[in-house]
Protein backbone atom coordinates (compact mmCIF):
# COMPACT_ATOMS: atom_id res chain seq x y z
CA MET A 1 -0.28 47.72 -25.20
CA LYS A 2 -3.36 45.32 -26.86
CA THR A 3 -2.45 45.56 -29.98
CA LYS A 4 1.23 44.50 -28.85
CA VAL A 5 0.16 41.97 -26.96
CA ARG A 6 -2.16 40.27 -29.64
CA LEU A 7 0.95 40.55 -31.58
CA LEU A 8 3.08 38.85 -29.79
CA PHE A 9 0.11 36.03 -29.25
CA ILE A 10 0.14 35.68 -32.95
CA GLY A 11 3.87 35.72 -33.67
CA ALA A 12 4.11 32.67 -31.01
CA ALA A 13 1.11 30.58 -32.06
CA ILE A 14 2.33 31.00 -35.50
CA PHE A 15 5.66 29.77 -34.48
CA VAL A 16 4.39 26.70 -32.38
CA ILE A 17 1.97 25.69 -34.98
CA TYR A 18 5.28 25.84 -37.39
CA VAL A 19 7.25 23.67 -35.02
CA SER A 20 4.15 21.27 -34.50
CA TYR A 21 3.86 20.80 -38.42
CA LYS A 22 7.33 20.13 -38.42
CA ILE A 23 7.63 17.83 -36.11
CA LEU A 24 4.79 15.89 -37.98
CA GLU A 25 5.82 16.26 -40.74
CA PRO A 26 7.89 13.19 -41.94
CA GLU A 27 5.29 10.88 -40.83
CA LEU A 28 2.73 12.76 -43.09
CA LEU A 29 5.38 12.66 -45.76
CA ARG A 30 5.39 8.42 -45.30
CA TYR A 31 1.72 8.08 -45.00
CA LYS A 32 0.82 9.91 -47.75
CA ASN A 33 3.99 8.04 -50.16
CA ALA A 34 3.19 5.36 -48.84
CA TYR A 35 -0.71 5.06 -49.84
CA LYS A 36 -0.12 7.43 -53.06
CA SER A 37 2.34 4.11 -54.08
CA LYS A 38 -0.73 2.02 -53.10
CA TRP A 39 -3.35 3.54 -55.34
CA MET A 40 -0.95 3.42 -58.33
CA SER A 41 -0.09 -0.11 -57.99
CA THR A 42 -3.54 -0.59 -57.90
CA GLU A 43 -3.88 0.87 -61.17
CA GLY A 44 -0.99 -0.76 -62.78
CA GLN A 45 1.02 2.82 -63.53
CA ASN A 46 4.31 3.65 -62.95
CA ALA A 47 4.59 7.09 -61.42
CA ASP A 48 5.58 8.52 -64.30
CA GLU A 49 1.58 7.67 -65.85
CA ALA A 50 -0.14 8.13 -62.31
CA GLU A 51 0.86 11.74 -61.51
CA PRO A 52 -0.83 13.29 -64.62
CA ARG A 53 -3.85 11.55 -63.94
CA THR A 54 -3.51 12.76 -60.19
CA VAL A 55 -3.96 16.34 -60.70
CA ALA A 56 -6.45 15.84 -64.11
CA THR A 57 -8.83 13.36 -61.75
CA SER A 58 -9.47 16.26 -58.63
CA ASN A 59 -12.72 14.57 -57.97
CA SER A 60 -11.24 11.33 -57.10
CA SER A 61 -11.23 10.27 -53.95
CA PHE A 62 -7.44 10.11 -54.55
CA ASN A 63 -7.12 13.40 -54.36
CA ARG A 64 -10.26 14.60 -51.66
CA GLU A 65 -8.27 12.03 -49.73
CA MET A 66 -4.92 14.07 -50.18
CA ASN A 67 -6.26 17.44 -49.95
CA GLY A 68 -9.03 17.24 -47.71
CA SER A 69 -8.71 18.93 -44.29
CA GLU A 70 -10.74 16.40 -42.39
CA ILE A 71 -8.44 13.43 -43.98
CA THR A 72 -5.44 15.32 -43.09
CA LYS A 73 -6.73 15.20 -39.74
CA GLN A 74 -7.41 11.34 -39.74
CA GLN A 75 -3.81 10.57 -41.03
CA ILE A 76 -2.70 12.43 -38.54
CA ILE A 77 -4.56 10.13 -36.08
CA GLN A 78 -3.73 6.88 -37.67
CA THR A 79 -0.63 7.38 -37.69
CA MET A 80 -0.05 9.16 -33.72
CA ILE A 81 -1.89 5.49 -32.41
CA GLU A 82 1.05 4.01 -35.11
CA ASN A 83 3.33 5.39 -33.17
CA TYR A 84 2.18 5.60 -29.14
CA LYS A 85 0.23 1.82 -29.37
CA PRO A 86 2.39 -0.25 -27.77
CA ASN A 87 3.72 -3.36 -29.49
CA PHE A 88 3.88 -6.71 -27.45
CA PHE A 89 4.90 -9.02 -29.72
CA TYR A 90 8.24 -6.62 -30.06
CA PRO A 91 11.20 -9.48 -29.30
CA LEU A 92 13.11 -8.75 -26.03
CA GLU A 93 16.80 -9.45 -25.87
CA GLU A 94 16.91 -9.49 -22.30
CA SER A 95 14.77 -9.18 -19.16
CA PRO A 96 11.68 -7.05 -19.35
CA TRP A 97 12.09 -5.73 -15.44
CA ASP A 98 15.93 -5.07 -16.40
CA ILE A 99 15.31 -2.94 -19.34
CA ALA A 100 12.72 -1.52 -17.46
CA ALA A 101 14.59 -0.25 -14.36
CA LYS A 102 17.55 0.90 -16.64
CA TRP A 103 14.98 3.21 -18.28
CA VAL A 104 14.38 5.24 -15.07
CA GLU A 105 15.73 8.55 -14.81
CA ALA A 106 15.47 11.90 -12.53
CA ARG A 107 13.36 13.01 -15.37
CA GLN A 108 11.48 9.88 -17.14
CA ILE A 109 10.71 6.86 -16.38
CA TYR A 110 10.91 5.64 -19.84
CA PRO A 111 12.53 6.46 -22.72
CA ASP A 112 10.12 8.19 -25.52
CA ASN A 113 9.77 5.87 -28.73
CA ALA A 114 10.58 3.37 -26.77
CA LYS A 115 10.17 -0.25 -28.75
CA GLU A 116 10.46 -2.80 -25.54
CA LEU A 117 7.60 -0.84 -23.84
CA GLY A 118 5.24 -2.81 -24.94
CA ALA A 119 7.02 -6.84 -24.53
CA ILE A 120 7.28 -5.36 -20.47
CA LEU A 121 3.36 -4.71 -20.26
CA LYS A 122 2.36 -7.66 -21.67
CA ALA A 123 5.34 -9.52 -19.26
CA MET A 124 3.46 -7.83 -16.78
CA SER A 125 0.12 -8.87 -17.90
CA GLN A 126 0.65 -12.10 -18.44
CA GLY A 127 3.60 -13.27 -16.03
CA THR A 128 3.39 -15.78 -13.48
CA ILE A 129 1.97 -14.23 -10.03
CA THR A 130 4.68 -16.34 -7.31
CA SER A 131 3.78 -13.69 -4.65
CA ALA A 132 0.92 -11.85 -3.06
CA ASP A 133 0.10 -10.23 -0.36
CA PHE A 134 -1.67 -6.79 0.61
CA GLY A 135 -0.15 -3.57 0.40
CA GLN A 136 -0.47 -1.20 2.98
CA ARG A 137 0.49 1.97 2.05
CA GLY A 138 -2.22 4.60 0.91
CA THR A 139 -6.43 4.90 1.93
CA GLN A 140 -7.17 2.52 -0.54
CA LEU A 141 -6.76 -1.11 -1.45
CA LYS A 142 -4.61 -3.25 -3.11
CA LEU A 143 -2.20 -6.46 -3.77
CA THR A 144 1.53 -6.30 -3.78
CA LEU A 145 2.62 -9.05 -6.46
CA LEU A 146 5.49 -11.09 -7.25
CA ILE A 147 5.86 -11.63 -11.26
CA ASP A 148 8.03 -14.67 -12.07
CA ASN A 149 9.78 -14.34 -8.62
CA ALA A 150 11.91 -11.05 -9.62
CA GLN A 151 9.08 -8.09 -10.42
CA LYS A 152 7.45 -6.47 -7.67
CA VAL A 153 3.87 -4.74 -8.86
CA VAL A 154 1.12 -2.89 -7.17
CA PHE A 155 -2.56 -4.81 -8.60
CA LYS A 156 -5.10 -2.26 -8.10
CA PRO A 157 -8.58 -4.12 -8.06
CA ALA A 158 -11.51 -2.53 -10.24
CA TRP A 159 -14.20 -0.88 -7.95
CA TYR A 160 -16.46 0.01 -10.56
CA PRO A 161 -18.12 -1.34 -14.07
CA ARG A 162 -16.66 1.29 -16.98
CA ASP A 163 -19.99 3.24 -17.32
CA TYR A 164 -20.48 4.43 -13.37
CA VAL A 165 -20.40 7.78 -12.57
CA VAL A 166 -18.93 9.28 -9.14
CA THR A 167 -21.03 11.90 -7.51
CA GLY A 168 -20.22 14.10 -4.52
CA THR A 169 -17.15 16.33 -4.23
CA PRO A 170 -14.35 16.13 -6.69
CA TYR A 171 -12.49 13.99 -4.97
CA SER A 172 -15.02 11.40 -3.91
CA GLY A 173 -15.35 7.18 -4.43
CA ARG A 174 -12.32 4.88 -4.83
CA ASP A 175 -9.81 4.26 -7.31
CA ARG A 176 -10.33 3.78 -11.07
CA HIS A 177 -8.86 1.51 -12.57
CA ASN A 178 -9.44 1.72 -15.31
CA GLY A 179 -7.94 5.90 -14.93
CA GLU A 180 -5.28 4.58 -13.95
CA ILE A 181 -4.54 2.73 -17.34
CA ALA A 182 -6.18 5.57 -19.55
CA ALA A 183 -3.74 8.35 -17.71
CA PHE A 184 -0.83 6.69 -18.63
CA TYR A 185 -1.09 6.64 -22.57
CA LEU A 186 -2.88 10.44 -21.73
CA GLY A 187 0.92 11.26 -19.89
CA SER A 188 2.98 9.46 -22.77
CA LEU A 189 0.36 11.31 -25.48
CA LEU A 190 1.62 15.08 -23.98
CA GLY A 191 5.67 13.73 -23.40
CA LEU A 192 4.89 13.36 -19.62
CA ARG A 193 6.49 10.13 -19.29
CA ARG A 194 6.82 10.44 -15.41
CA ILE A 195 3.45 7.50 -14.25
CA PRO A 196 4.79 4.52 -13.60
CA LEU A 197 4.44 1.48 -16.36
CA VAL A 198 0.26 0.39 -16.71
CA ILE A 199 -1.45 -2.57 -17.98
CA GLY A 200 -4.82 -3.76 -17.13
CA ARG A 201 -4.96 -7.39 -16.30
CA ARG A 202 -7.61 -10.49 -15.47
CA ILE A 203 -6.43 -12.56 -12.64
CA HIS A 204 -8.25 -16.50 -11.51
CA PHE A 205 -8.17 -15.29 -7.57
CA GLU A 206 -8.30 -19.09 -6.67
CA LYS A 207 -5.63 -20.49 -9.35
CA GLU A 208 -3.43 -17.51 -9.16
CA ILE A 209 -3.73 -15.87 -5.68
CA LEU A 210 -4.60 -17.55 -3.49
CA PRO A 211 -2.02 -20.45 -3.82
CA VAL A 212 0.94 -18.06 -3.55
CA SER A 213 -0.50 -15.30 -0.81
CA THR A 214 1.08 -14.53 2.67
CA SER A 215 -1.28 -16.09 5.47
CA ARG A 216 -1.92 -12.40 6.68
CA LEU A 217 -3.48 -11.33 3.22
CA ILE A 218 -5.63 -15.00 3.49
CA THR A 219 -6.73 -13.98 7.03
CA THR A 220 -8.41 -11.05 4.84
CA PHE A 221 -10.24 -14.11 2.48
CA PHE A 222 -14.13 -14.25 2.42
CA GLU A 223 -17.02 -16.15 0.19
CA LYS A 224 -19.98 -13.47 -0.69
CA ASP A 225 -22.43 -14.88 -3.36
CA GLY A 226 -20.71 -17.80 -4.33
CA GLU A 227 -17.51 -15.52 -4.90
CA SER A 228 -13.95 -15.13 -4.17
CA CYS A 229 -13.09 -11.52 -2.14
CA PHE A 230 -10.31 -9.93 0.14
CA TYR A 231 -10.53 -6.77 2.18
CA GLY A 232 -7.13 -6.59 2.63
CA ARG A 233 -5.38 -3.73 4.67
CA CYS A 234 -5.44 -0.14 3.63
CA ARG A 235 -6.65 2.67 5.91
CA TYR A 236 -9.85 2.59 4.51
CA CYS A 237 -9.84 -1.24 5.03
CA MET A 238 -12.15 -2.21 7.42
CA GLY A 239 -13.72 -5.30 7.09
CA PRO A 240 -15.47 -7.53 4.39
CA GLU A 241 -18.18 -5.07 3.85
CA ASP A 242 -14.62 -2.97 2.36
CA GLY A 243 -14.01 -6.12 0.20
CA VAL A 244 -14.07 -6.84 -3.39
CA CYS A 245 -14.78 -10.09 -5.06
CA THR A 246 -14.16 -11.67 -8.15
CA THR A 247 -17.15 -12.20 -10.86
CA ASN A 248 -16.88 -16.13 -11.74
CA GLY A 249 -13.79 -16.44 -10.03
CA VAL A 250 -11.78 -13.51 -11.86
CA ILE A 251 -11.10 -10.50 -10.64
CA GLU A 252 -10.23 -7.13 -12.65
CA GLY A 253 -7.77 -4.64 -12.29
CA THR A 254 -4.82 -2.33 -13.58
CA ILE A 255 -0.95 -3.47 -12.64
CA VAL A 256 1.27 -0.79 -11.99
CA LEU A 257 5.33 -1.34 -11.89
CA TRP A 258 7.24 -1.29 -9.53
CA MET A 259 9.71 1.67 -9.27
CA PRO A 260 13.52 0.61 -8.59
CA SER A 261 15.10 -0.11 -5.48
CA GLN A 262 17.71 2.42 -5.72
CA PHE A 263 15.43 5.14 -6.71
CA LYS A 264 14.12 6.22 -3.10
CA LEU A 265 11.03 8.62 -3.38
CA THR A 266 10.49 11.74 -1.06
CA LEU A 267 7.08 13.00 0.08
CA HIS A 268 6.13 16.43 -0.86
CA LYS A 269 3.20 18.51 0.17
CA HIS A 270 1.51 20.02 -3.30
CA PRO A 271 1.17 23.87 -2.25
CA TRP A 272 -2.39 23.80 -4.42
CA SER A 273 -3.66 21.09 -1.69
CA ARG A 274 -7.30 21.43 -0.60
CA THR A 275 -8.11 20.93 2.81
CA TYR A 276 -10.39 18.19 2.61
CA ARG A 277 -12.89 19.56 4.78
CA GLU A 278 -16.09 20.45 3.65
CA GLY A 279 -16.18 24.78 3.64
CA VAL A 280 -13.10 25.31 4.48
CA GLN A 281 -10.95 26.61 1.73
CA ALA A 282 -7.21 26.79 1.26
CA LYS A 283 -5.09 30.03 0.29
CA TRP A 284 -4.81 29.26 -2.97
CA GLU A 285 -8.44 29.36 -2.97
CA THR A 286 -9.36 32.96 -1.61
CA ASP A 287 -5.93 34.83 -3.05
CA ASP A 288 -5.48 35.30 -6.93
CA HIS A 289 -1.49 36.54 -5.91
CA TYR A 290 -1.36 32.77 -4.13
CA CYS A 291 1.27 31.44 -6.70
CA ASP A 292 3.80 34.81 -5.88
CA LYS A 293 3.78 33.26 -2.32
CA VAL A 294 4.63 29.76 -4.13
CA LYS A 295 7.62 31.07 -5.70
CA SER A 296 9.27 32.90 -3.06
CA SER A 297 9.47 29.16 -1.43
CA PRO A 298 13.34 27.89 -2.63
CA TYR A 299 11.58 24.83 -3.97
CA TYR A 300 10.14 26.46 -6.64
CA SER A 301 11.61 29.97 -7.47
CA THR A 302 14.16 28.10 -10.13
CA GLY A 303 14.10 24.86 -11.12
CA HIS A 304 11.54 22.79 -12.59
CA ARG A 305 9.30 22.29 -9.96
CA LEU A 306 6.95 24.63 -10.35
CA LEU A 307 6.55 23.91 -14.48
CA ASP A 308 6.26 20.34 -13.22
CA ILE A 309 3.13 20.88 -10.67
CA ILE A 310 2.04 22.65 -13.78
CA ASP A 311 2.29 20.51 -16.09
CA THR A 312 0.70 17.98 -13.90
CA CYS A 313 -2.36 20.32 -13.47
CA ILE A 314 -2.86 20.16 -16.47
CA PHE A 315 -2.88 16.42 -16.71
CA ASP A 316 -4.99 15.98 -13.70
CA TYR A 317 -7.74 18.25 -15.14
CA LEU A 318 -7.86 16.46 -18.77
CA ILE A 319 -8.54 13.42 -16.41
CA GLY A 320 -10.31 14.90 -13.98
CA ASN A 321 -7.87 13.94 -10.99
CA ALA A 322 -8.65 16.63 -7.71
CA ASP A 323 -7.22 14.30 -5.41
CA ARG A 324 -3.19 15.45 -5.48
CA HIS A 325 -2.78 16.24 -2.36
CA HIS A 326 0.59 14.92 -2.59
CA TYR A 327 3.66 14.28 -4.74
CA GLU A 328 6.50 12.17 -4.76
CA THR A 329 10.00 13.33 -6.46
CA PHE A 330 13.00 11.41 -6.23
CA GLU A 331 15.28 11.52 -3.10
CA GLY A 332 18.87 13.01 -3.95
CA TYR A 333 18.22 14.28 -7.42
CA GLU A 334 18.07 18.48 -7.25
CA ASP A 335 16.38 17.63 -10.95
CA SER A 336 13.94 15.11 -10.52
CA MET A 337 10.43 15.29 -11.84
CA LEU A 338 7.44 15.11 -9.92
CA ILE A 339 6.35 11.79 -10.06
CA MET A 340 2.50 11.55 -11.55
CA LEU A 341 1.98 8.40 -8.82
CA ASP A 342 -1.33 7.38 -8.17
CA ASN A 343 -3.87 8.45 -11.02
CA GLY A 344 -6.65 6.32 -9.52
CA LYS A 345 -9.25 9.35 -8.97
CA SER A 346 -9.52 9.78 -11.80
CA PHE A 347 -12.21 9.88 -14.83
CA GLY A 348 -15.38 9.26 -12.54
CA ASN A 349 -17.92 11.73 -13.13
CA PRO A 350 -17.14 12.86 -17.67
CA ASP A 351 -20.40 15.83 -17.17
CA ILE A 352 -18.37 17.73 -14.18
CA ASP A 353 -15.15 20.26 -14.85
CA GLU A 354 -13.41 21.01 -12.41
CA PHE A 355 -11.80 23.79 -13.62
CA SER A 356 -10.14 24.81 -10.12
CA ILE A 357 -7.70 21.51 -10.75
CA LEU A 358 -5.96 24.17 -13.14
CA ALA A 359 -5.45 26.51 -10.43
CA PRO A 360 -1.77 26.64 -11.04
CA LEU A 361 -1.64 27.50 -14.51
CA TYR A 362 -4.07 30.63 -14.61
CA GLN A 363 -2.53 31.93 -10.86
CA CYS A 364 1.01 31.42 -12.39
CA CYS A 365 0.53 31.99 -15.68
CA GLN A 366 2.98 30.02 -17.50
CA ILE A 367 3.69 26.75 -19.30
CA ARG A 368 6.16 24.60 -21.23
CA VAL A 369 6.41 25.74 -24.68
CA THR A 370 6.74 21.76 -25.30
CA LEU A 371 4.20 20.94 -23.40
CA TRP A 372 1.69 23.81 -25.18
CA GLU A 373 3.05 22.21 -28.58
CA LYS A 374 1.49 19.07 -27.48
CA LEU A 375 -1.72 20.27 -26.65
CA LEU A 376 -1.91 22.20 -30.00
CA ALA A 377 -1.54 19.16 -31.90
CA MET A 378 -5.04 17.36 -29.80
CA LYS A 379 -7.61 19.70 -30.62
CA ASP A 380 -10.41 19.46 -32.74
CA GLY A 381 -11.53 16.01 -31.55
CA ILE A 382 -7.34 14.19 -32.15
CA LEU A 383 -6.92 13.42 -28.52
CA SER A 384 -9.85 11.15 -28.03
CA GLN A 385 -10.07 8.98 -31.56
CA VAL A 386 -5.97 9.19 -30.71
CA LEU A 387 -6.23 7.96 -27.05
CA ALA A 388 -9.28 5.64 -27.59
CA GLY A 389 -6.87 3.70 -30.95
CA ILE A 390 -4.51 3.40 -28.22
CA LEU A 391 -6.49 2.33 -25.54
CA SER A 392 -8.76 -1.03 -27.39
CA VAL A 393 -5.52 -3.14 -26.98
CA ASP A 394 -5.10 -3.06 -23.61
CA PRO A 395 -6.07 -6.45 -22.08
CA ILE A 396 -9.15 -5.31 -20.26
CA THR A 397 -10.26 -2.90 -23.19
CA PRO A 398 -12.86 -0.49 -23.44
CA ILE A 399 -10.98 1.12 -20.90
CA LEU A 400 -13.07 4.75 -21.40
CA THR A 401 -16.57 4.80 -22.08
CA GLN A 402 -16.98 7.97 -24.95
CA LYS A 403 -18.71 10.37 -22.21
CA HIS A 404 -15.30 10.01 -21.17
CA LEU A 405 -13.22 10.80 -24.29
CA ASP A 406 -15.67 13.98 -25.01
CA ALA A 407 -14.68 15.21 -22.25
CA LEU A 408 -10.91 15.02 -22.44
CA ASP A 409 -11.86 16.91 -26.28
CA ARG A 410 -13.91 19.63 -23.76
CA ARG A 411 -11.83 19.66 -21.26
CA LEU A 412 -8.98 20.47 -23.54
CA LYS A 413 -10.87 23.06 -25.26
CA THR A 414 -11.26 24.67 -22.11
CA VAL A 415 -7.52 24.76 -21.42
CA LEU A 416 -6.10 25.78 -25.01
CA GLU A 417 -8.46 29.09 -24.19
CA GLN A 418 -6.82 29.32 -20.35
CA ILE A 419 -3.44 29.28 -22.39
CA HIS A 420 -4.57 31.87 -24.62
CA ALA A 421 -5.74 33.96 -21.91
CA CYS A 422 -2.12 34.29 -19.93
CA ILE A 423 -0.46 35.17 -23.13
CA ALA A 424 -3.38 37.82 -23.43
CA GLU A 425 -2.20 38.84 -19.88
CA VAL A 426 1.23 38.59 -19.41
CA GLY A 427 2.33 37.96 -23.26
CA THR A 428 5.44 35.60 -24.25
CA HIS A 429 6.26 35.68 -20.92
CA ALA A 430 3.49 32.34 -20.35
CA LEU A 431 5.28 30.27 -22.69
CA VAL A 432 8.73 28.68 -21.24
CA PHE A 433 11.33 27.16 -23.02
CA GLU A 434 13.57 24.24 -21.19
CA SER A 435 16.82 26.31 -22.36
CA SER A 436 15.88 29.08 -19.86
CA ILE A 437 15.26 26.99 -16.48
CA ARG A 438 17.80 27.97 -13.92
């Protein structure tokens, strides 16, 4: 039996690696040909003359670049950065807000390889703020802004410096605005385009917020040490002691694009939610067969929902988010994705890997083949280098410290080991193709 399982695993692994290579092959060939053309032009030779020399000079730097495994990895990293890095200067033929609204569908918030994405993000980061109010929904302080009299966004202010380490429970601390940005791009890299558009922004408080604030928001303004501050209104917004202040008149934060009005959200309790009570465990924390009980529910017995939860738990483990107590779907869409909102409780402690976040994966032992392929393509340090390259263009870069980037690679290794353990346990039934989802 063990031999059969090993053969199934090896066969599946070979298949995934082959498919992943075929996906990357066109880009790698294009990169290789472009490099080859550049090298030949600097040598002043045509293709017929250059080819024999390439074979003859086996110790040349060119051959090391074409044949060395480490350099090949760098080619892949650079290609992925260029593919996923937003182009802030892409010309738009219509309103950025109209384009973003048209993108939203039941299974994605924006399409793959969306060329206009960078220009829309730029409009979010540089557009004129024409109205400001506090956002009452949720536990954390935030502002609801209107940009260009047309688009509603959420502004999440910065609470911590980048290198601040949040200690305590896995869900301790205030929201990390930079975590929202990193989570957005990580979702894109993994093909999980279920996160609303996010970008960093620095706002001059007296010039951009104060003149357009509602009267009720103004009542929460105060001054501290010569800086402008506010505390807004939310579950944990009690007064000036819970406020956030500017630095040299500027407040840094993250802008999150509001969903189109026609898409109403339905709130669901997460089946793997924590109790949030010290010493009190949830059922999933004590029952190894908990997934069977989840599958007995009509919500999770068929369709995308359970696999979306497993996708999300892998994503949350990578970013260190142990606070997914509820989730949202689109009202009226049976095949709606699990919308990955509110990723602010991420990247708090790079030294702690909260394995319990992966409970849906290791208890259900299922994963989409498409996500597994993405994860395999990111191993051996590729994930951190690609993400760092993409994040380098955000207006409030740097977004993550090197310790957080290293933690991503370490956690990815754990995820892949757990997937391999599931394949060893249940065979290829652990791998789910989209065509098999009913």
